[in-house]
Protein backbone atom coordinates (compact mmCIF):
# COMPACT_ATOMS: atom_id res chain seq x y z
CA MET A 1 58.00 -20.45 62.19
CA ALA A 2 54.75 -22.25 61.34
CA SER A 3 53.61 -22.40 57.77
CA VAL A 4 50.19 -21.02 56.90
CA ALA A 5 48.15 -23.03 54.44
CA ALA A 6 46.26 -21.07 51.83
CA THR A 7 42.52 -21.32 52.29
CA PRO A 8 40.63 -21.53 49.01
CA VAL A 9 38.14 -18.71 48.52
CA ASN A 10 34.84 -19.52 46.87
CA SER A 11 34.39 -17.23 43.91
CA PRO A 12 30.93 -15.72 43.31
CA PHE A 13 31.55 -16.18 39.61
CA PRO A 14 31.08 -19.42 37.67
CA ASN A 15 34.34 -21.32 37.17
CA GLY A 16 36.07 -18.71 39.34
CA LYS A 17 36.11 -16.19 36.49
CA ALA A 18 34.40 -12.84 36.28
CA LEU A 19 31.59 -12.51 33.81
CA SER A 20 32.09 -10.25 30.85
CA VAL A 21 29.53 -8.50 28.71
CA HIS A 22 30.30 -10.96 25.95
CA SER A 23 29.73 -14.01 28.14
CA MET A 24 26.45 -12.62 29.50
CA ALA A 25 24.99 -11.35 26.23
CA PRO A 26 26.89 -12.47 23.16
CA SER A 27 24.29 -10.87 20.90
CA LEU A 28 24.35 -7.54 22.74
CA ALA A 29 25.95 -5.76 19.78
CA THR A 30 23.17 -6.89 17.45
CA THR A 31 20.20 -5.96 19.61
CA THR A 32 17.97 -3.06 18.63
CA PRO A 33 17.23 -0.23 21.04
CA GLY A 34 13.97 -0.36 22.96
CA PRO A 35 11.08 1.98 22.20
CA ASP A 36 11.99 4.26 25.11
CA LEU A 37 15.53 4.74 23.84
CA THR A 38 14.28 5.37 20.32
CA GLU A 39 11.92 8.07 21.60
CA VAL A 40 14.74 9.71 23.58
CA GLU A 41 16.99 9.69 20.50
CA GLU A 42 14.20 11.31 18.44
CA LEU A 43 13.68 13.94 21.14
CA LEU A 44 17.41 14.76 21.23
CA ALA A 45 17.52 15.05 17.44
CA THR A 46 14.56 17.45 17.51
CA MET A 47 16.16 19.50 20.28
CA LYS A 48 19.43 19.77 18.32
CA GLN A 49 17.54 20.91 15.23
CA THR A 50 15.62 23.49 17.27
CA LEU A 51 18.84 24.77 18.85
CA GLY A 52 20.38 25.20 15.40
CA THR A 53 17.34 27.10 14.19
CA LEU A 54 17.37 29.36 17.26
CA GLY A 55 21.06 30.07 16.76
CA ALA A 56 20.48 31.10 13.15
CA THR A 57 17.52 33.26 14.19
CA PHE A 58 19.54 35.11 16.82
CA ASP A 59 22.39 35.62 14.35
CA THR A 60 19.94 37.16 11.87
CA LEU A 61 18.41 39.37 14.55
CA GLY A 62 21.86 40.53 15.59
CA GLU A 63 22.75 41.44 12.01
CA GLN A 64 19.49 43.34 11.57
CA THR A 65 20.12 45.25 14.79
CA ALA A 66 23.63 46.17 13.67
CA HIS A 67 22.29 47.50 10.35
CA ARG A 68 19.39 49.45 11.83
CA PHE A 69 21.21 50.78 14.87
CA PRO A 70 24.92 50.99 14.05
CA TRP A 71 25.59 52.76 17.34
CA SER A 72 24.30 49.71 19.28
CA SER A 73 27.40 47.66 18.47
CA ASN A 74 29.64 49.93 20.61
CA GLY A 75 27.36 49.55 23.63
CA CYS A 76 26.49 53.22 23.76
CA CYS A 77 23.54 55.37 23.00
CA PRO A 78 23.26 57.62 19.94
CA SER A 79 24.62 61.09 20.32
CA GLY A 80 22.09 63.73 20.21
């Protein structure tokens, strides 16, 4: 049986090692977000606040409905 010699493969990475986030950008953890990301974060915070306000508003409206129309909580119309 003939022996097969291993053919070296050229790695696309420097020194034959894969790049890591740390080797590419060692200061990545200390960078500040760009203006676009900051604006998106502000938008999400505003949307969360609005959602909380809407939830409280609907809870209040539901309570008022239950007090004004006690028959509405059983899903039926008033009798007579």
